Protein backbone atom coordinates (compact mmCIF):
# COMPACT_ATOMS: atom_id res chain seq x y z
CA UNK A 1 -45.87 23.42 58.74
CA UNK A 2 -46.84 25.81 55.95
CA UNK A 3 -50.41 26.85 55.26
CA UNK A 4 -51.82 27.72 51.87
CA UNK A 5 -55.45 28.63 51.27
CA UNK A 6 -56.57 26.97 54.43
CA UNK A 7 -54.80 23.65 53.72
CA UNK A 8 -52.05 22.14 55.78
CA UNK A 9 -49.04 21.41 53.62
CA UNK A 10 -46.27 19.32 55.08
CA UNK A 11 -42.71 19.92 54.00
CA UNK A 12 -40.95 16.80 52.83
CA UNK A 13 -37.21 16.36 52.97
CA UNK A 14 -35.74 15.47 49.59
CA UNK A 15 -32.50 13.53 49.37
CA UNK A 16 -30.70 13.69 46.02
CA UNK A 17 -30.12 10.32 44.37
CA UNK A 18 -26.63 8.89 44.11
CA UNK A 19 -27.52 7.76 40.58
CA UNK A 20 -27.89 4.16 41.77
CA UNK A 21 -31.23 3.30 43.35
CA UNK A 22 -29.70 0.19 44.94
CA UNK A 23 -27.06 2.33 46.69
CA UNK A 24 -29.81 4.69 47.82
CA UNK A 25 -31.61 1.69 49.35
CA UNK A 26 -28.42 0.74 51.22
CA UNK A 27 -27.90 -2.62 49.51
CA UNK A 28 -24.37 -4.01 49.88
CA UNK A 29 -24.06 -5.25 46.27
CA UNK A 30 -25.63 -2.15 44.74
CA UNK A 31 -23.21 -1.74 41.85
CA UNK A 32 -23.63 -5.34 40.70
CA UNK A 33 -27.41 -5.05 40.98
CA UNK A 34 -27.40 -1.90 38.87
CA UNK A 35 -25.33 -3.61 36.16
CA UNK A 36 -27.58 -6.67 36.21
CA UNK A 37 -30.65 -4.45 36.05
CA UNK A 38 -29.37 -2.60 32.98
CA UNK A 39 -28.58 -5.90 31.28
CA UNK A 40 -32.00 -7.34 32.15
CA UNK A 41 -33.73 -4.26 30.74
CA UNK A 42 -31.88 -4.73 27.44
CA UNK A 43 -32.77 -8.44 27.39
CA UNK A 44 -36.43 -7.62 28.01
CA UNK A 45 -36.44 -5.03 25.21
CA UNK A 46 -34.99 -7.53 22.73
CA UNK A 47 -37.46 -10.25 23.75
CA UNK A 48 -40.34 -7.79 23.40
CA UNK A 49 -39.05 -6.43 20.08
CA UNK A 50 -38.93 -9.98 18.70
CA UNK A 51 -42.42 -10.72 20.06
CA UNK A 52 -41.15 -13.79 21.94
CA UNK A 53 -43.20 -15.44 24.64
CA UNK A 54 -41.36 -16.54 27.77
CA UNK A 55 -41.50 -20.14 26.51
CA UNK A 56 -40.09 -19.17 23.10
CA UNK A 57 -37.35 -17.06 24.68
CA UNK A 58 -36.44 -19.88 27.06
CA UNK A 59 -36.11 -22.34 24.17
CA UNK A 60 -33.97 -19.92 22.17
CA UNK A 61 -31.74 -19.13 25.16
CA UNK A 62 -31.44 -22.64 26.58
CA UNK A 63 -32.77 -21.61 29.97
CA UNK A 64 -35.97 -22.36 31.84
CA UNK A 65 -39.13 -20.32 31.38
CA UNK A 66 -38.96 -19.49 35.08
CA UNK A 67 -35.51 -17.95 34.58
CA UNK A 68 -36.87 -15.81 31.72
CA UNK A 69 -39.66 -14.75 34.08
CA UNK A 70 -37.13 -13.81 36.76
CA UNK A 71 -35.21 -11.69 34.26
CA UNK A 72 -38.44 -9.99 33.13
CA UNK A 73 -39.39 -9.23 36.73
CA UNK A 74 -35.91 -8.06 37.76
CA UNK A 75 -35.39 -10.92 40.22
CA UNK A 76 -31.69 -11.18 39.48
CA UNK A 77 -29.98 -12.26 42.70
CA UNK A 78 -29.53 -15.88 41.61
CA UNK A 79 -28.62 -15.03 37.99
CA UNK A 80 -24.95 -14.34 37.36
CA UNK A 81 -23.50 -11.51 35.29
CA UNK A 82 -21.94 -14.21 33.12
CA UNK A 83 -25.37 -15.76 32.42
CA UNK A 84 -26.83 -12.36 31.51
CA UNK A 85 -23.88 -11.73 29.14
CA UNK A 86 -24.48 -15.13 27.55
CA UNK A 87 -28.19 -14.41 27.11
CA UNK A 88 -27.40 -11.11 25.39
CA UNK A 89 -25.01 -12.81 22.96
CA UNK A 90 -27.63 -15.45 22.16
CA UNK A 91 -30.03 -12.59 21.40
CA UNK A 92 -27.57 -11.26 18.81
CA UNK A 93 -25.72 -8.62 20.81
CA UNK A 94 -22.01 -8.18 21.40
CA UNK A 95 -20.95 -7.75 25.01
CA UNK A 96 -17.63 -5.94 25.38
CA UNK A 97 -15.82 -5.96 28.70
CA UNK A 98 -13.34 -3.11 29.00
CA UNK A 99 -10.90 -2.93 31.87
CA UNK A 100 -9.03 0.31 32.45
CA UNK A 101 -7.28 2.05 35.29
CA UNK A 102 -9.29 4.76 37.00
CA UNK A 103 -7.96 8.24 36.31
CA UNK A 104 -8.91 9.41 39.81
CA UNK A 105 -7.48 6.35 41.52
CA UNK A 106 -9.37 4.60 44.28
CA UNK A 107 -11.86 1.77 43.92
CA UNK A 108 -13.07 1.02 40.41
CA UNK A 109 -16.68 0.61 39.34
CA UNK A 110 -18.80 -1.50 37.01
CA UNK A 111 -21.28 -0.07 34.54
CA UNK A 112 -23.18 -0.93 31.39
CA UNK A 113 -22.88 1.35 28.38
CA UNK A 114 -25.54 0.63 25.75
CA UNK A 115 -24.43 1.93 22.37
């Protein structure tokens, strides 16, 4: 324990992030959750930018208000990647899926690139 000006200061171990908070939490489907999270954040930004209520967004997207709420709150386990892609297209965005061989070999990865 270090002391400074009469105060006890505890040292805290810092672990660098992997870049994926879900991986850092040890979740088995971390990569999918990160992709879904990025898509949900974009959906939320578009809904907010268009000043849509949850009810208005639900009507526009053909989903329930409770599903819009789940997307807003990041509760994405029971919402598929396909559904999130569909929601983004209904909100006027193109969703491109690019498949390419990894240069380094090994297991591939999923990611969202917002351009």
